[in-house]
């Protein structure tokens, strides 16, 4: 495969991808499939999540790339050029738009781009503040979701997206497929109440879908345990959102803390499990070949008959 042709066809992405691939391993070019993940937490936890929800993927050669939601879409042209099956695991990144002129920006504001009304015009820059996915009028700041898949801007549209919206297949005949996985509504049970809720990030989703497990005193080291006892699932969601978004929250410590626990005690967030099971169905897996069964009499018959040792020559 001649990558110089790819670079000639995609000059806008060439420098970025060249620098990135020099900083990381290049097993992408030899993989059965690629998994593009949001960050370090997903990269650390993905092997055990595969072990939990998609064991057959262990026999595939997977390239796991940490690309972030802001840059994941920039790998689209390379993935398509290589004709590689890819799963993109990213975050919902819900924000509320800040439109008031003169309003002071702060460190928590997020700048992002959305397509303009004119398809030929450059993208429009917007500013938003992190919010719960349930907030009225919430948008996503995630460029992968806006510019690649499923190409939607509002959280309401993203949560209503169908399976078909989240994936596409190459039209050139090489058969590769790409699917995006981001947070989806799940039933959260807390204090005897069940409510359908959606996390904004992996950490929030993990805390909601493993609520009792994460809030126990034994899991204090994960950093998700809240003070007091949140009264309702909504209170729990808000508390987790504030905790994960706080400056003191250590994402890497959270991931390593999960790895110290027995994986049988927690569940994989639904959106990641759904994505891994999809990947398992589309990757050509090399399953172990079954050895023919043999019986002892047959084995004995096949064995050469023992011969007596020859007498030493005189």
Protein backbone atom coordinates (compact mmCIF):
# COMPACT_ATOMS: atom_id res chain seq x y z
CA UNK A 1 0.00 0.00 0.00
CA UNK A 2 1.43 3.36 -1.07
CA UNK A 3 0.80 5.95 1.64
CA UNK A 4 2.31 8.72 -0.47
CA UNK A 5 -0.84 8.59 -2.59
CA UNK A 6 -2.96 9.04 0.56
CA UNK A 7 -0.92 12.06 1.63
CA UNK A 8 -1.23 13.61 -1.83
CA UNK A 9 -5.02 13.16 -1.71
CA UNK A 10 -5.39 14.52 1.85
CA UNK A 11 -2.97 17.44 2.31
CA UNK A 12 -5.06 18.99 5.10
CA UNK A 13 -4.65 15.94 7.36
CA UNK A 14 -1.15 14.91 6.29
CA UNK A 15 0.96 16.80 8.83
CA UNK A 16 -1.33 15.98 11.77
CA UNK A 17 -1.44 12.25 10.99
CA UNK A 18 2.29 12.03 10.30
CA UNK A 19 3.11 13.58 13.68
CA UNK A 20 0.56 11.43 15.49
CA UNK A 21 1.73 8.15 13.97
CA UNK A 22 5.36 8.97 14.75
CA UNK A 23 4.41 9.40 18.40
CA UNK A 24 2.47 6.14 18.60
CA UNK A 25 2.75 2.58 17.39
CA UNK A 26 1.93 1.87 13.75
CA UNK A 27 0.11 -1.45 14.18
CA UNK A 28 -2.86 0.32 12.59
CA UNK A 29 -1.51 -0.74 9.19
CA UNK A 30 -1.51 -4.44 10.09
CA UNK A 31 -4.67 -4.67 12.20
CA UNK A 32 -7.89 -6.56 11.57
CA UNK A 33 -9.77 -3.58 12.97
CA UNK A 34 -9.18 -0.26 14.71
CA UNK A 35 -10.81 1.02 17.89
CA UNK A 36 -10.57 4.78 18.27
CA UNK A 37 -11.13 5.80 21.88
CA UNK A 38 -11.71 9.07 23.70
CA UNK A 39 -8.77 9.01 26.08
CA UNK A 40 -6.50 7.22 28.50
CA UNK A 41 -9.33 5.80 30.65
CA UNK A 42 -10.94 3.99 27.71
CA UNK A 43 -7.56 2.73 26.53
CA UNK A 44 -6.75 1.28 29.96
CA UNK A 45 -10.15 -0.33 30.53
CA UNK A 46 -10.87 -1.59 27.02
CA UNK A 47 -8.95 -4.90 27.27
CA UNK A 48 -10.91 -6.00 30.36
CA UNK A 49 -14.16 -4.76 28.80
CA UNK A 50 -13.44 -6.91 25.75
CA UNK A 51 -12.82 -9.83 28.10
CA UNK A 52 -16.20 -9.19 29.70
CA UNK A 53 -18.48 -8.51 26.73
CA UNK A 54 -16.75 -9.62 23.51
CA UNK A 55 -14.38 -12.50 24.24
CA UNK A 56 -14.07 -13.55 20.60
CA UNK A 57 -12.29 -10.27 19.82
CA UNK A 58 -9.30 -11.61 21.76
CA UNK A 59 -8.34 -13.59 18.66
CA UNK A 60 -8.34 -10.48 16.45
CA UNK A 61 -5.47 -8.07 15.91
CA UNK A 62 -6.90 -4.78 17.20
CA UNK A 63 -5.23 -1.38 17.03
CA UNK A 64 -6.47 0.81 19.89
CA UNK A 65 -5.82 4.49 19.19
CA UNK A 66 -6.36 7.24 21.76
CA UNK A 67 -7.63 10.13 19.66
CA UNK A 68 -10.14 12.18 21.67
CA UNK A 69 -13.51 13.44 20.53
CA UNK A 70 -12.00 16.65 19.19
CA UNK A 71 -9.70 14.83 16.77
CA UNK A 72 -11.34 11.47 16.06
CA UNK A 73 -12.96 12.73 12.85
CA UNK A 74 -9.53 13.61 11.45
CA UNK A 75 -8.77 9.90 11.16
CA UNK A 76 -11.72 9.33 8.84
CA UNK A 77 -9.80 9.73 5.60
CA UNK A 78 -7.02 7.38 6.76
CA UNK A 79 -9.46 4.72 7.97
CA UNK A 80 -11.28 4.87 4.63
CA UNK A 81 -8.03 4.81 2.65
CA UNK A 82 -6.84 1.70 4.50
CA UNK A 83 -10.28 0.09 4.14
CA UNK A 84 -10.21 -0.80 7.83
CA UNK A 85 -13.13 -1.86 10.01
CA UNK A 86 -13.33 0.69 12.83
CA UNK A 87 -15.24 1.27 16.05
CA UNK A 88 -15.15 4.84 17.34
CA UNK A 89 -15.84 5.08 21.10
CA UNK A 90 -16.42 8.67 22.13
CA UNK A 91 -18.30 10.86 24.60
CA UNK A 92 -21.61 12.68 24.30
CA UNK A 93 -19.97 15.89 25.61
CA UNK A 94 -23.23 17.75 26.20
CA UNK A 95 -23.05 21.53 26.53
CA UNK A 96 -25.44 24.45 26.76
CA UNK A 97 -24.77 27.18 24.24
CA UNK A 98 -23.53 30.53 25.46
CA UNK A 99 -24.87 33.22 23.15
CA UNK A 100 -24.95 36.33 25.33
CA UNK A 101 -22.50 38.91 24.04
CA UNK A 102 -20.09 40.27 26.58
CA UNK A 103 -20.51 37.25 28.87
CA UNK A 104 -17.17 36.44 30.42
CA UNK A 105 -15.50 33.22 29.42
CA UNK A 106 -14.01 30.94 32.04
CA UNK A 107 -11.78 27.87 32.08
CA UNK A 108 -14.77 25.54 31.93
CA UNK A 109 -16.09 26.92 28.65
CA UNK A 110 -15.77 24.73 25.58
CA UNK A 111 -15.21 26.05 22.07
CA UNK A 112 -16.45 23.93 19.19
CA UNK A 113 -17.42 24.22 15.55
CA UNK A 114 -20.70 23.49 13.79
CA UNK A 115 -21.43 23.51 10.05
CA UNK A 116 -22.75 26.81 8.72
CA UNK A 117 -26.05 27.17 6.93
CA UNK A 118 -24.17 27.42 3.64
CA UNK A 119 -22.40 24.08 2.92
CA UNK A 120 -19.55 25.95 1.21
CA UNK A 121 -19.00 28.34 4.11
CA UNK A 122 -16.44 27.60 6.86
CA UNK A 123 -17.72 26.09 10.13
CA UNK A 124 -19.13 28.46 12.74
CA UNK A 125 -17.39 28.71 16.12
CA UNK A 126 -19.59 28.29 19.20
CA UNK A 127 -18.99 28.40 22.95
CA UNK A 128 -20.75 26.16 25.43
CA UNK A 129 -20.67 25.15 29.07
CA UNK A 130 -20.73 21.55 30.25
CA UNK A 131 -24.19 20.34 31.27
CA UNK A 132 -26.15 17.17 31.90
CA UNK A 133 -27.49 15.51 28.73
CA UNK A 134 -31.00 16.04 30.11
CA UNK A 135 -30.59 19.85 30.10
CA UNK A 136 -33.01 21.68 27.83
CA UNK A 137 -31.57 22.48 24.41
CA UNK A 138 -28.31 20.63 25.07
CA UNK A 139 -25.87 20.31 22.15
CA UNK A 140 -22.77 18.20 21.68
CA UNK A 141 -19.35 19.82 21.39
CA UNK A 142 -17.86 16.55 20.12
CA UNK A 143 -16.48 17.06 16.63
CA UNK A 144 -16.56 13.34 15.85
CA UNK A 145 -20.33 13.28 16.38
CA UNK A 146 -20.85 16.55 14.50
CA UNK A 147 -18.57 15.98 11.52
CA UNK A 148 -18.26 12.19 11.11
CA UNK A 149 -20.96 10.01 12.64
CA UNK A 150 -23.89 10.41 13.05
CA UNK A 151 -23.50 14.06 11.93
CA UNK A 152 -25.95 15.48 14.46
CA UNK A 153 -25.63 18.47 16.76
CA UNK A 154 -28.33 18.30 19.41
CA UNK A 155 -28.32 15.76 22.21
CA UNK A 156 -31.98 14.98 21.47
CA UNK A 157 -31.05 14.00 17.89
CA UNK A 158 -28.10 11.94 19.07
CA UNK A 159 -30.15 9.99 21.60
CA UNK A 160 -32.83 9.35 18.95
CA UNK A 161 -30.29 8.16 16.35
CA UNK A 162 -30.89 4.68 14.97
CA UNK A 163 -28.35 1.91 14.57
CA UNK A 164 -28.22 2.77 10.86
CA UNK A 165 -27.42 6.40 11.70
CA UNK A 166 -24.41 5.32 13.76
CA UNK A 167 -22.62 3.33 11.07
CA UNK A 168 -21.80 3.19 7.40
CA UNK A 169 -20.22 0.78 4.96
CA UNK A 170 -17.75 1.55 2.21
CA UNK A 171 -19.20 1.94 -1.26
CA UNK A 172 -15.99 1.07 -3.06
CA UNK A 173 -16.39 -2.67 -2.71
CA UNK A 174 -13.71 -3.34 -0.08
CA UNK A 175 -16.41 -4.05 2.50
CA UNK A 176 -15.11 -2.17 5.53
CA UNK A 177 -17.56 -0.76 8.07
CA UNK A 178 -17.37 2.02 10.65
CA UNK A 179 -19.57 2.48 13.72
CA UNK A 180 -19.65 5.13 16.41
CA UNK A 181 -20.51 4.40 20.05
CA UNK A 182 -21.46 7.12 22.52
CA UNK A 183 -23.55 7.29 25.70
CA UNK A 184 -27.17 6.16 25.42
CA UNK A 185 -30.09 6.14 27.91
CA UNK A 186 -30.01 3.27 30.40
CA UNK A 187 -32.17 2.29 33.36
CA UNK A 188 -30.52 3.45 36.58
CA UNK A 189 -31.66 1.85 39.83
CA UNK A 190 -31.06 3.86 42.99
CA UNK A 191 -32.81 3.93 46.38
CA UNK A 192 -35.66 1.79 45.11
CA UNK A 193 -36.33 4.01 42.09
CA UNK A 194 -35.56 3.28 38.45
CA UNK A 195 -35.15 6.01 35.86
CA UNK A 196 -33.74 6.16 32.32
CA UNK A 197 -30.66 8.41 32.40
CA UNK A 198 -27.68 9.19 30.18
CA UNK A 199 -24.12 9.93 31.20
CA UNK A 200 -22.06 12.67 29.59
CA UNK A 201 -18.74 10.82 29.80
CA UNK A 202 -17.47 7.30 30.39
CA UNK A 203 -16.93 8.00 34.09
CA UNK A 204 -20.48 9.30 34.56
CA UNK A 205 -21.96 6.38 32.63
CA UNK A 206 -19.91 3.90 34.65
CA UNK A 207 -21.05 5.50 37.89
CA UNK A 208 -24.72 5.41 36.85
CA UNK A 209 -24.78 1.85 35.52
CA UNK A 210 -22.81 0.56 38.52
CA UNK A 211 -24.45 2.87 41.07
CA UNK A 212 -24.55 0.66 44.17
CA UNK A 213 -21.11 -0.83 43.45
CA UNK A 214 -19.46 2.58 42.99
CA UNK A 215 -21.15 4.20 46.01
CA UNK A 216 -20.06 1.54 48.48
CA UNK A 217 -17.37 2.46 50.98
CA UNK A 218 -15.14 -0.30 49.56
CA UNK A 219 -14.98 1.62 46.24
CA UNK A 220 -13.97 4.95 47.72
CA UNK A 221 -10.66 4.73 45.85
CA UNK A 222 -12.44 5.08 42.50
CA UNK A 223 -13.28 8.70 43.27
CA UNK A 224 -16.97 8.41 42.34
CA UNK A 225 -18.41 7.97 45.83
CA UNK A 226 -20.56 10.97 46.79
CA UNK A 227 -20.94 12.42 50.26
CA UNK A 228 -24.23 11.69 51.91
CA UNK A 229 -26.85 9.64 50.15
CA UNK A 230 -28.26 11.10 46.91
CA UNK A 231 -32.03 10.76 47.26
CA UNK A 232 -33.02 9.99 43.66
CA UNK A 233 -31.41 8.77 40.43
CA UNK A 234 -31.46 12.39 39.22
CA UNK A 235 -29.57 13.49 42.34
CA UNK A 236 -27.04 10.75 41.72
CA UNK A 237 -26.58 11.83 38.08
CA UNK A 238 -26.07 15.46 39.08
CA UNK A 239 -23.61 14.51 41.82
CA UNK A 240 -21.56 12.35 39.47
CA UNK A 241 -21.57 15.07 36.83
CA UNK A 242 -20.17 17.60 39.30
CA UNK A 243 -17.64 15.12 40.72
CA UNK A 244 -16.25 14.02 37.34
CA UNK A 245 -16.16 17.59 36.06
CA UNK A 246 -14.32 18.85 39.13
CA UNK A 247 -10.65 19.77 38.95
CA UNK A 248 -9.72 17.31 41.68
CA UNK A 249 -11.08 14.24 39.89
CA UNK A 250 -8.26 11.99 38.66
CA UNK A 251 -9.40 9.98 35.63
CA UNK A 252 -6.32 7.79 35.46
CA UNK A 253 -6.64 6.94 39.16
CA UNK A 254 -10.27 5.98 38.49
CA UNK A 255 -9.28 3.64 35.65
CA UNK A 256 -6.50 2.00 37.64
CA UNK A 257 -8.86 1.65 40.59
CA UNK A 258 -11.36 -0.23 38.45
CA UNK A 259 -8.56 -2.53 37.25
CA UNK A 260 -7.77 -3.49 40.86
CA UNK A 261 -11.30 -4.82 41.29
CA UNK A 262 -12.64 -8.17 40.10
CA UNK A 263 -14.30 -7.53 36.71
CA UNK A 264 -17.22 -9.77 37.66
CA UNK A 265 -18.37 -7.10 40.11
CA UNK A 266 -19.21 -4.38 37.58
CA UNK A 267 -20.89 -4.07 34.19
CA UNK A 268 -19.54 -2.52 31.02
CA UNK A 269 -21.40 0.71 30.12
CA UNK A 270 -24.07 -0.13 27.58
CA UNK A 271 -22.80 2.02 24.75
CA UNK A 272 -19.35 0.41 24.87
CA UNK A 273 -20.76 -3.11 25.20
CA UNK A 274 -23.05 -2.53 22.21
CA UNK A 275 -20.12 -1.27 20.14
CA UNK A 276 -17.83 -4.17 21.04
CA UNK A 277 -20.52 -6.73 20.24
CA UNK A 278 -21.07 -5.04 16.86
CA UNK A 279 -17.33 -5.19 16.14
CA UNK A 280 -17.32 -8.87 17.07
CA UNK A 281 -19.92 -9.55 14.36
CA UNK A 282 -18.07 -7.77 11.53
CA UNK A 283 -14.42 -8.66 12.13
CA UNK A 284 -13.11 -11.82 10.51
CA UNK A 285 -12.10 -13.79 13.58
CA UNK A 286 -9.71 -16.72 13.59
CA UNK A 287 -11.43 -19.22 15.83
CA UNK A 288 -9.34 -22.04 17.33
CA UNK A 289 -9.50 -25.20 15.27
CA UNK A 290 -11.06 -28.18 17.04
CA UNK A 291 -8.76 -31.18 17.27
CA UNK A 292 -10.22 -34.55 16.23
CA UNK A 293 -11.30 -36.69 19.14
CA UNK A 294 -9.37 -39.91 19.74
CA UNK A 295 -10.11 -42.88 21.91
CA UNK A 296 -7.56 -44.78 23.90
CA UNK A 297 -7.88 -48.03 21.86
CA UNK A 298 -7.45 -46.08 18.63
CA UNK A 299 -4.47 -44.25 19.99
CA UNK A 300 -2.95 -47.52 21.13
CA UNK A 301 -3.51 -49.11 17.74
CA UNK A 302 -1.83 -46.18 16.03
CA UNK A 303 1.23 -46.35 18.30
CA UNK A 304 4.15 -48.43 17.03
CA UNK A 305 4.67 -51.71 18.85
CA UNK A 306 7.53 -51.63 21.31
CA UNK A 307 10.61 -53.47 20.08
CA UNK A 308 13.10 -55.23 22.37
CA UNK A 309 16.54 -53.73 22.62
CA UNK A 310 19.06 -55.39 20.35
CA UNK A 311 21.73 -57.52 21.95
CA UNK A 312 25.08 -55.78 22.01
CA UNK A 313 27.48 -57.01 19.35
CA UNK A 314 30.12 -59.45 20.58
